[in-house]
Amino acid sequence: MFFNWRARWQVLEEAQYRLIKQGDELDFLLARTAVTELSHAALNPLFTRWQFVWTDINRRRMELRPGDALVGPSVAPRRRSARAVRARDAAQCGRQQ
């Protein structure tokens, strides 16, 4: 069976982009907020988005495994723009941009 390595690489590259972006958002939140003002309410949305990214990436990665999918032609997923990724994340996390 054929491993579509390029498609897997694209999924993991997108995951890296999304996690680095969320890490930057966390750094910004920590830099602008005093330690005494940090709360679960401020950090919970970030954690929820982090969990969503991991779940989404794992689901997509598993879909690309040949043993778990129906036998057929291997097609690389369409590469999404950063704007499309942000819009999808915002919609699925209940956030508005």
Protein backbone atom coordinates (compact mmCIF):
# COMPACT_ATOMS: atom_id res chain seq x y z
CA MET A 1 0.00 0.00 0.00
CA PHE A 2 1.17 3.53 -0.73
CA PHE A 3 1.92 6.09 1.99
CA ASN A 4 1.12 9.59 0.83
CA TRP A 5 4.04 11.22 2.63
CA ARG A 6 3.53 14.62 1.05
CA ALA A 7 -0.03 14.88 2.38
CA ARG A 8 1.11 13.83 5.85
CA TRP A 9 3.92 16.38 5.74
CA GLN A 10 1.43 19.12 4.80
CA VAL A 11 -0.87 18.20 7.70
CA LEU A 12 2.01 18.29 10.17
CA GLU A 13 3.35 21.55 8.74
CA GLU A 14 -0.08 23.11 9.20
CA ALA A 15 -0.16 21.78 12.78
CA GLN A 16 3.21 23.37 13.46
CA TYR A 17 1.97 26.71 12.12
CA ARG A 18 -1.20 26.59 14.23
CA LEU A 19 0.58 25.59 17.43
CA ILE A 20 3.31 28.22 17.03
CA LYS A 21 0.63 30.85 16.41
CA GLN A 22 -1.23 29.82 19.55
CA GLY A 23 2.03 29.82 21.50
CA ASP A 24 2.57 33.40 20.33
CA GLU A 25 -0.95 34.30 21.50
CA LEU A 26 -0.16 32.80 24.92
CA ASP A 27 3.13 34.72 25.12
CA PHE A 28 1.29 37.93 24.26
CA LEU A 29 -1.40 37.27 26.87
CA LEU A 30 1.23 36.61 29.53
CA ALA A 31 3.22 39.70 28.56
CA ARG A 32 0.28 42.09 28.73
CA THR A 33 -1.43 40.65 31.82
CA ALA A 34 -0.18 41.03 35.35
CA VAL A 35 0.32 37.76 37.23
CA THR A 36 -2.35 38.74 39.76
CA GLU A 37 -4.88 39.29 36.96
CA LEU A 38 -4.40 35.92 35.21
CA SER A 39 -7.41 33.67 35.54
CA HIS A 40 -8.83 30.46 34.19
CA ALA A 41 -11.34 32.52 32.23
CA ALA A 42 -8.50 34.16 30.31
CA LEU A 43 -6.57 30.94 29.70
CA ASN A 44 -9.46 28.56 29.02
CA PRO A 45 -10.14 29.73 25.43
CA LEU A 46 -6.48 29.20 24.55
CA PHE A 47 -6.52 25.72 26.06
CA THR A 48 -9.73 24.85 24.21
CA ARG A 49 -8.23 25.94 20.89
CA TRP A 50 -5.05 23.98 21.66
CA GLN A 51 -7.07 20.83 22.32
CA PHE A 52 -9.06 21.39 19.14
CA VAL A 53 -5.88 21.68 17.05
CA TRP A 54 -4.47 18.44 18.47
CA THR A 55 -7.76 16.61 17.92
CA ASP A 56 -8.13 17.92 14.38
CA ILE A 57 -4.55 17.14 13.39
CA ASN A 58 -4.70 13.62 14.85
CA ARG A 59 -7.99 12.95 13.04
CA ARG A 60 -6.59 14.17 9.71
CA ARG A 61 -3.34 12.28 10.21
CA MET A 62 -5.23 9.06 10.89
CA GLU A 63 -7.32 9.58 7.75
CA LEU A 64 -4.09 9.50 5.74
CA ARG A 65 -3.02 6.12 7.12
CA PRO A 66 -3.52 3.56 4.38
CA GLY A 67 -4.46 0.66 6.66
CA ASP A 68 -7.36 2.57 8.19
CA ALA A 69 -8.82 3.95 4.98
CA LEU A 70 -10.66 2.36 2.10
CA VAL A 71 -8.41 1.23 -0.72
CA GLY A 72 -8.42 3.78 -3.48
CA PRO A 73 -6.32 6.46 -5.13
CA SER A 74 -4.26 8.51 -2.75
CA VAL A 75 -5.08 12.19 -3.08
CA ALA A 76 -3.26 14.93 -1.19
CA PRO A 77 -5.57 17.27 0.69
CA ARG A 78 -5.94 20.78 -0.65
CA ARG A 79 -3.50 23.08 1.11
CA ARG A 80 -5.31 25.69 3.16
CA SER A 81 -4.27 29.29 3.48
CA ALA A 82 -3.50 30.71 6.91
CA ARG A 83 -6.68 32.82 6.70
CA ALA A 84 -8.80 29.72 5.99
CA VAL A 85 -7.22 27.87 8.93
CA ARG A 86 -7.91 30.78 11.30
CA ALA A 87 -11.51 31.08 10.09
CA ARG A 88 -12.11 27.34 10.53
CA ASP A 89 -10.56 27.36 14.01
CA ALA A 90 -12.61 30.38 15.03
CA ALA A 91 -15.84 28.84 13.75
CA GLN A 92 -15.26 25.51 15.46
CA CYS A 93 -14.20 27.06 18.76
CA GLY A 94 -17.20 29.37 18.86
CA ARG A 95 -15.04 32.48 18.48
CA GLN A 96 -15.64 35.39 16.20
CA GLN A 97 -12.87 37.23 14.44
